[in-house]
Protein backbone atom coordinates (compact mmCIF):
# COMPACT_ATOMS: atom_id res chain seq x y z
CA MET A 1 0.00 0.00 0.00
CA GLU A 2 1.36 3.40 -1.00
CA ASN A 3 2.07 5.86 1.80
CA PRO A 4 0.01 9.05 1.83
CA PRO A 5 1.82 12.32 1.02
CA ILE A 6 3.25 14.76 3.55
CA ILE A 7 1.07 17.69 4.61
CA LEU A 8 2.44 21.24 4.91
CA THR A 9 0.88 24.12 6.78
CA MET A 10 1.19 27.62 5.34
CA GLY A 11 2.26 29.20 8.64
CA GLU A 12 1.84 32.93 9.25
CA PRO A 13 0.38 34.24 5.95
CA ALA A 14 2.26 37.56 6.17
CA GLY A 15 5.57 35.75 6.67
CA ILE A 16 7.83 33.84 4.29
CA GLY A 17 6.03 30.48 4.59
CA PRO A 18 3.88 30.88 1.45
CA GLU A 19 6.90 31.96 -0.62
CA LEU A 20 8.94 29.02 0.68
CA ILE A 21 6.22 26.52 -0.28
CA ILE A 22 6.26 27.71 -3.89
CA LYS A 23 10.06 27.68 -4.08
CA VAL A 24 10.22 24.19 -2.60
CA LYS A 25 7.65 22.83 -5.06
CA LYS A 26 9.64 24.29 -7.94
CA ILE A 27 12.86 22.70 -6.67
CA LEU A 28 11.53 19.31 -5.53
CA GLY A 29 8.88 18.74 -8.18
CA ASP A 30 7.31 15.35 -7.44
CA ARG A 31 10.34 13.94 -5.55
CA TYR A 32 8.50 14.08 -2.20
CA PRO A 33 4.71 14.06 -2.59
CA PHE A 34 3.09 16.73 -0.43
CA TYR A 35 0.00 18.87 -0.24
CA VAL A 36 -0.65 22.15 1.56
CA ILE A 37 -3.41 23.38 3.81
CA GLY A 38 -3.88 27.09 3.15
CA ASP A 39 -5.71 29.75 1.17
CA PHE A 40 -5.96 28.49 -2.42
CA ASN A 41 -6.37 31.87 -4.12
CA PHE A 42 -3.53 33.47 -2.17
CA LEU A 43 -1.10 30.60 -2.78
CA THR A 44 -2.09 30.45 -6.44
CA SER A 45 -1.32 34.16 -6.86
CA ILE A 46 2.25 33.50 -5.65
CA ALA A 47 2.65 30.24 -7.56
CA THR A 48 1.65 31.84 -10.85
CA LYS A 49 4.62 34.20 -10.64
CA SER A 50 6.92 31.15 -10.56
CA SER A 51 5.04 29.27 -13.31
CA ILE A 52 3.79 26.68 -10.81
CA GLU A 53 0.32 25.30 -11.44
CA THR A 54 -2.00 24.73 -8.50
CA VAL A 55 -5.01 22.50 -7.97
CA LYS A 56 -7.63 22.50 -5.25
CA ILE A 57 -8.04 19.03 -3.72
CA GLN A 58 -10.64 17.41 -1.49
CA HIS A 59 -8.73 14.24 -0.61
CA TYR A 60 -5.05 13.47 -0.15
CA SER A 61 -5.09 10.80 -2.89
CA GLN A 62 -5.52 13.54 -5.51
CA THR A 63 -1.92 14.57 -4.79
CA PHE A 64 -0.76 11.50 -6.72
CA LYS A 65 -3.07 12.40 -9.62
CA TYR A 66 -1.42 15.82 -10.03
CA PRO A 67 2.25 15.24 -9.10
CA GLU A 68 3.52 18.21 -11.08
CA LYS A 69 1.07 20.67 -9.48
CA LEU A 70 0.94 22.26 -6.05
CA CYS A 71 -2.01 20.53 -4.41
CA ILE A 72 -3.89 22.69 -1.92
CA PHE A 73 -6.49 21.78 0.69
CA ASP A 74 -8.32 25.12 0.67
CA HIS A 75 -8.78 27.02 3.92
CA LYS A 76 -9.71 30.62 3.12
CA LEU A 77 -8.30 33.63 4.94
CA PRO A 78 -10.69 36.39 6.07
CA ASP A 79 -8.35 39.28 5.19
CA LYS A 80 -6.19 40.18 2.23
CA VAL A 81 -2.56 39.24 2.92
CA VAL A 82 -0.04 42.08 2.95
CA PRO A 83 3.48 40.61 3.18
CA GLY A 84 5.22 41.72 6.35
CA ASN A 85 2.04 43.11 7.92
CA ILE A 86 0.23 40.79 10.31
CA SER A 87 -3.55 40.60 10.25
CA LEU A 88 -4.88 39.23 13.54
CA LYS A 89 -7.92 37.87 11.71
CA ASN A 90 -5.65 35.84 9.44
CA SER A 91 -3.46 34.77 12.34
CA ALA A 92 -6.50 33.24 14.01
CA VAL A 93 -6.85 30.93 11.00
CA VAL A 94 -3.26 29.75 11.48
CA LYS A 95 -4.31 27.87 14.61
CA GLN A 96 -7.20 26.24 12.72
CA ASN A 97 -4.84 25.16 9.94
CA ILE A 98 -2.57 23.42 12.45
CA GLN A 99 -5.53 21.68 14.07
CA LYS A 100 -6.81 20.46 10.70
CA ALA A 101 -3.35 19.28 9.62
CA VAL A 102 -2.89 17.28 12.84
CA SER A 103 -6.30 15.71 12.34
CA LEU A 104 -5.33 14.64 8.82
CA VAL A 105 -1.99 13.14 9.84
CA LYS A 106 -3.51 11.32 12.83
CA THR A 107 -6.17 9.77 10.60
CA LYS A 108 -3.50 8.49 8.20
CA GLN A 109 -4.37 11.00 5.47
CA ALA A 110 -0.82 12.33 5.61
CA LEU A 111 2.49 10.58 6.19
CA ALA A 112 3.93 13.40 8.29
CA LEU A 113 3.37 17.03 9.19
CA VAL A 114 5.74 19.82 8.12
CA THR A 115 4.84 23.21 9.55
CA ASN A 116 5.89 26.61 8.33
CA PRO A 117 6.77 29.30 10.90
CA ILE A 118 4.08 30.95 13.01
CA ASN A 119 4.11 34.26 14.82
CA LYS A 120 3.43 33.44 18.48
CA TRP A 121 2.71 37.07 19.38
CA ALA A 122 -0.04 37.28 16.77
CA LEU A 123 -1.60 34.00 17.87
CA LYS A 124 -1.63 35.05 21.50
CA GLN A 125 -3.35 38.35 20.67
CA ASN A 126 -6.49 36.36 19.87
CA LYS A 127 -6.61 35.22 23.53
CA ASN A 128 -7.21 31.57 22.63
CA PHE A 129 -3.65 30.36 22.14
CA LEU A 130 -2.31 29.46 25.57
CA TYR A 131 0.88 27.73 24.45
CA GLU A 132 4.57 28.57 24.23
CA GLY A 133 4.58 27.66 20.55
CA HIS A 134 4.14 24.88 18.02
CA THR A 135 5.80 22.20 20.17
CA ASP A 136 3.48 22.17 23.18
CA PHE A 137 0.40 22.97 21.07
CA LEU A 138 1.05 19.86 18.98
CA ALA A 139 1.38 17.78 22.16
CA TYR A 140 -2.03 19.07 23.29
CA LEU A 141 -3.57 18.15 19.93
CA ASP A 142 -1.94 14.72 19.97
CA SER A 143 -3.03 13.62 23.42
CA GLU A 144 -3.73 15.11 26.81
CA ASN A 145 -0.91 12.97 28.18
CA ALA A 146 1.61 13.61 25.39
CA THR A 147 4.89 15.33 26.18
CA SER A 148 6.64 16.99 23.26
CA VAL A 149 10.32 17.81 23.06
CA MET A 150 11.94 20.23 20.61
CA MET A 151 15.06 19.06 18.79
CA LEU A 152 17.07 20.92 16.19
CA ALA A 153 19.26 18.92 13.85
CA ASN A 154 21.42 19.43 10.79
CA ARG A 155 22.24 17.05 7.96
CA ASN A 156 25.55 16.09 9.60
CA GLY A 157 23.90 14.49 12.62
CA PHE A 158 24.38 17.38 15.05
CA ARG A 159 21.28 17.34 17.29
CA VAL A 160 20.46 19.71 20.15
CA ILE A 161 17.54 19.61 22.58
CA PRO A 162 16.59 22.38 25.04
CA VAL A 163 14.92 21.08 28.22
CA THR A 164 13.20 24.41 28.89
CA VAL A 165 12.16 26.29 25.78
CA HIS A 166 10.32 29.60 25.31
CA ILE A 167 10.51 31.03 28.82
CA PRO A 168 12.38 34.01 30.32
CA ILE A 169 15.89 33.33 31.61
CA LYS A 170 14.84 34.22 35.17
CA GLN A 171 12.33 31.33 35.16
CA ILE A 172 14.70 28.59 33.99
CA SER A 173 15.89 27.49 37.43
CA SER A 174 12.36 27.04 38.79
CA LYS A 175 11.17 25.21 35.66
CA LEU A 176 14.18 22.87 35.50
CA THR A 177 12.93 19.96 37.61
CA PRO A 178 14.23 16.39 37.89
CA GLN A 179 10.93 15.15 36.48
CA LEU A 180 11.19 17.35 33.38
CA LEU A 181 14.81 16.45 32.74
CA LYS A 182 14.18 12.73 33.20
CA LYS A 183 11.17 12.78 30.88
CA THR A 184 13.12 14.74 28.25
CA LEU A 185 16.08 12.35 28.33
CA ASN A 186 13.83 9.29 28.01
CA ILE A 187 11.99 10.79 25.04
CA VAL A 188 15.26 11.75 23.34
CA ALA A 189 16.78 8.28 23.83
CA ASN A 190 13.64 6.57 22.55
CA SER A 191 13.36 8.86 19.53
CA LEU A 192 16.98 8.27 18.55
CA ARG A 193 16.21 4.55 18.45
CA THR A 194 12.88 4.70 16.61
CA ASP A 195 13.50 7.69 14.31
CA TYR A 196 17.24 7.41 13.61
CA GLU A 197 17.95 3.69 14.10
CA ILE A 198 20.57 4.39 16.79
CA GLU A 199 20.29 1.36 19.07
CA ASN A 200 22.50 2.64 21.91
CA PRO A 201 22.46 6.44 21.84
CA LYS A 202 25.23 8.52 23.38
CA ILE A 203 23.84 11.72 24.85
CA LEU A 204 25.86 14.62 26.26
CA ILE A 205 24.10 16.78 28.86
CA THR A 206 25.21 20.34 29.58
CA GLY A 207 25.17 22.13 32.88
CA MET A 208 23.01 25.18 33.41
CA ASN A 209 25.52 27.52 35.02
CA PRO A 210 28.95 28.72 33.85
CA HIS A 211 31.53 25.93 34.15
CA ALA A 212 28.66 23.55 35.04
CA GLY A 213 28.41 25.17 38.45
CA GLU A 214 32.12 24.69 39.26
CA ASN A 215 31.51 22.38 42.23
CA SER A 216 28.44 24.37 43.34
CA THR A 217 30.31 27.67 43.61
CA ILE A 218 28.44 29.23 40.64
CA GLY A 219 25.07 27.56 41.07
CA LEU A 220 23.43 24.47 42.51
CA GLU A 221 21.32 23.11 39.64
CA GLU A 222 24.07 20.74 38.50
CA SER A 223 24.42 19.08 41.91
CA THR A 224 20.76 19.16 42.94
CA VAL A 225 18.99 18.39 39.65
CA ILE A 226 21.15 17.44 36.68
CA ALA A 227 23.80 15.10 38.12
CA PRO A 228 21.32 13.06 40.24
CA VAL A 229 19.05 12.50 37.23
CA ILE A 230 21.98 11.35 35.09
CA LYS A 231 23.14 8.97 37.82
CA ASN A 232 19.69 7.47 38.39
CA LEU A 233 18.81 7.20 34.71
CA GLN A 234 21.84 5.33 33.42
CA HIS A 235 20.69 2.36 31.35
CA PRO A 236 22.38 -0.33 29.24
CA ASN A 237 20.53 0.94 26.16
CA PHE A 238 21.86 4.49 26.27
CA GLN A 239 24.86 6.40 27.60
CA LEU A 240 24.49 9.71 29.43
CA ILE A 241 27.49 11.98 29.95
CA GLY A 242 27.40 15.18 32.03
CA PRO A 243 26.82 17.72 33.27
CA VAL A 244 29.42 19.26 30.96
CA PRO A 245 30.17 23.00 30.76
CA ALA A 246 28.21 24.38 27.82
CA ASP A 247 31.13 26.49 26.57
CA THR A 248 33.15 23.34 25.75
CA ALA A 249 30.31 20.94 24.94
CA PHE A 250 29.97 21.51 21.21
CA THR A 251 33.52 20.94 19.97
CA PRO A 252 34.02 19.15 16.64
CA LYS A 253 35.26 16.09 18.54
CA ASN A 254 32.12 15.95 20.68
CA ARG A 255 29.85 16.54 17.69
CA SER A 256 31.36 13.49 16.01
CA LYS A 257 31.15 11.40 19.20
CA TYR A 258 27.66 12.08 20.60
CA ASP A 259 24.30 11.45 18.97
CA ALA A 260 22.55 14.33 20.74
CA PHE A 261 23.18 17.22 23.13
CA VAL A 262 20.58 17.91 25.82
CA CYS A 263 20.82 21.51 27.02
CA MET A 264 19.10 23.31 29.87
CA TYR A 265 17.58 26.24 28.00
CA HIS A 266 16.69 27.58 24.57
CA ASP A 267 19.70 29.68 23.54
CA GLN A 268 22.20 27.24 25.03
CA ALA A 269 21.01 24.71 22.45
CA LEU A 270 20.07 26.87 19.48
CA ILE A 271 23.03 29.25 19.28
CA PRO A 272 25.61 26.57 18.39
CA ILE A 273 23.55 24.82 15.74
CA LYS A 274 22.29 28.01 14.12
CA THR A 275 25.81 29.40 14.07
CA ILE A 276 27.17 26.27 12.42
CA SER A 277 24.34 25.65 9.94
CA PHE A 278 21.64 28.31 9.94
CA HIS A 279 20.10 27.39 6.59
CA GLU A 280 20.78 23.67 6.94
CA SER A 281 19.17 22.81 10.23
CA ILE A 282 15.59 21.93 11.05
CA ASN A 283 13.20 21.59 13.98
CA ILE A 284 11.85 18.13 14.86
CA THR A 285 9.24 17.47 17.53
CA LEU A 286 9.97 14.35 19.57
CA GLY A 287 7.47 12.47 21.70
CA LEU A 288 4.44 12.71 19.39
CA SER A 289 2.53 9.82 17.89
CA PHE A 290 3.09 11.36 14.44
CA VAL A 291 6.08 12.84 12.63
CA ARG A 292 6.46 16.62 12.67
CA THR A 293 9.31 18.74 11.34
CA SER A 294 9.72 22.39 10.41
CA PRO A 295 12.34 24.92 9.28
CA ASP A 296 14.54 26.22 12.09
CA HIS A 297 13.79 29.89 11.38
CA GLY A 298 10.94 32.29 12.05
CA THR A 299 8.43 34.16 9.92
CA ALA A 300 11.02 36.75 8.71
CA LEU A 301 8.44 39.49 8.25
CA ASP A 302 11.21 41.90 7.22
CA ILE A 303 11.91 40.04 3.96
CA SER A 304 8.44 38.68 3.27
CA GLY A 305 7.25 39.38 -0.26
CA LYS A 306 10.76 40.28 -1.48
CA ASN A 307 11.63 36.87 -2.94
CA GLU A 308 14.67 36.66 -0.63
CA ALA A 309 13.69 33.70 1.56
CA ASN A 310 16.03 30.69 1.48
CA PRO A 311 14.05 27.43 1.01
CA GLN A 312 16.87 25.10 2.11
CA SER A 313 15.63 24.52 5.66
CA LEU A 314 12.10 23.70 4.47
CA ILE A 315 13.50 21.29 1.88
CA LEU A 316 15.50 19.53 4.59
CA ALA A 317 12.43 19.45 6.86
CA ILE A 318 10.45 17.64 4.15
CA GLU A 319 13.30 15.19 3.51
CA GLU A 320 13.70 14.52 7.23
CA ALA A 321 9.97 13.98 7.70
CA GLN A 322 10.05 11.37 4.95
CA ASN A 323 13.12 9.67 6.44
CA ILE A 324 11.74 9.58 9.99
CA ALA A 325 8.41 8.19 8.81
CA LYS A 326 10.22 5.38 7.00
CA ALA A 327 12.43 4.69 10.04
CA ARG A 328 9.37 4.44 12.30
CA GLN A 329 7.71 2.02 9.90
CA LYS A 330 10.86 -0.10 9.83
CA TYR A 331 11.10 -0.04 13.63
CA ALA A 332 7.45 -1.05 14.01
CA GLU A 333 7.94 -3.97 11.61
CA LYS A 334 10.86 -5.29 13.67
CA LYS A 335 8.87 -5.35 16.92
């Protein structure tokens, strides 16, 4: 039986997501079958400029009937889109698009979900988006008991995971609990096995404070939270090393040695990978029952509509979604 295609969301309409979709279709052609949930007329107006034909579909199977065209599951926007200028009415539809896309992938009408960037400020202005971002919203849509973990990865196997994500620096210490760290490490180890076929993952864990606390003289989180979890969680099926000072964690030698780096907060994880490979890294959500990837960048309102957006990260996100879906199928067949 043929796998269904991948589904893409349009993301924030005023951002670069729509432009990226058209560029990716032009580059990939029918190499990776996908369809988009978004405003048909708006996407068609952009596609026409790049000589890409579009077709409105009602069922995912039509994607295989029109492989050379951009297939769109129409979800109309209430306002005209002005690139770079957010419409809160349109932003409200972004949430609905994500909900519909998750429904389609969970009912096996899509192989995986690839999301384009959203603007969290705009979503929260509508007072009905109570989430830090895509990652925890997807966990809510997947299951009330699901725990999602954000991982960024590049094509060279460099993978970073922040334990705490979109919260102020002053809240990190109170949010960094043994329970959260333990759950994150278990999800990462399991995902490396099921999604990347790494049977015995090696995971490096950073400290939170400078010099990993320097024997508790520059902070206590290493001795009270991080080190005890590492000690208690050691398992024959994965190797945990740490806490390691973050300023020496990401050396070339370590990047070749470890399968993933678990970091204590957002910038500690994202700065190294975005510095090394800004256009060639992607966001992958671990811990969900379905596959979800996305580009590693934001909506880039400042260049929206200027035909300057780089599609490389979205291309890699689609490729990775396909690869992870196949790895999960292979893993399930072995069990």
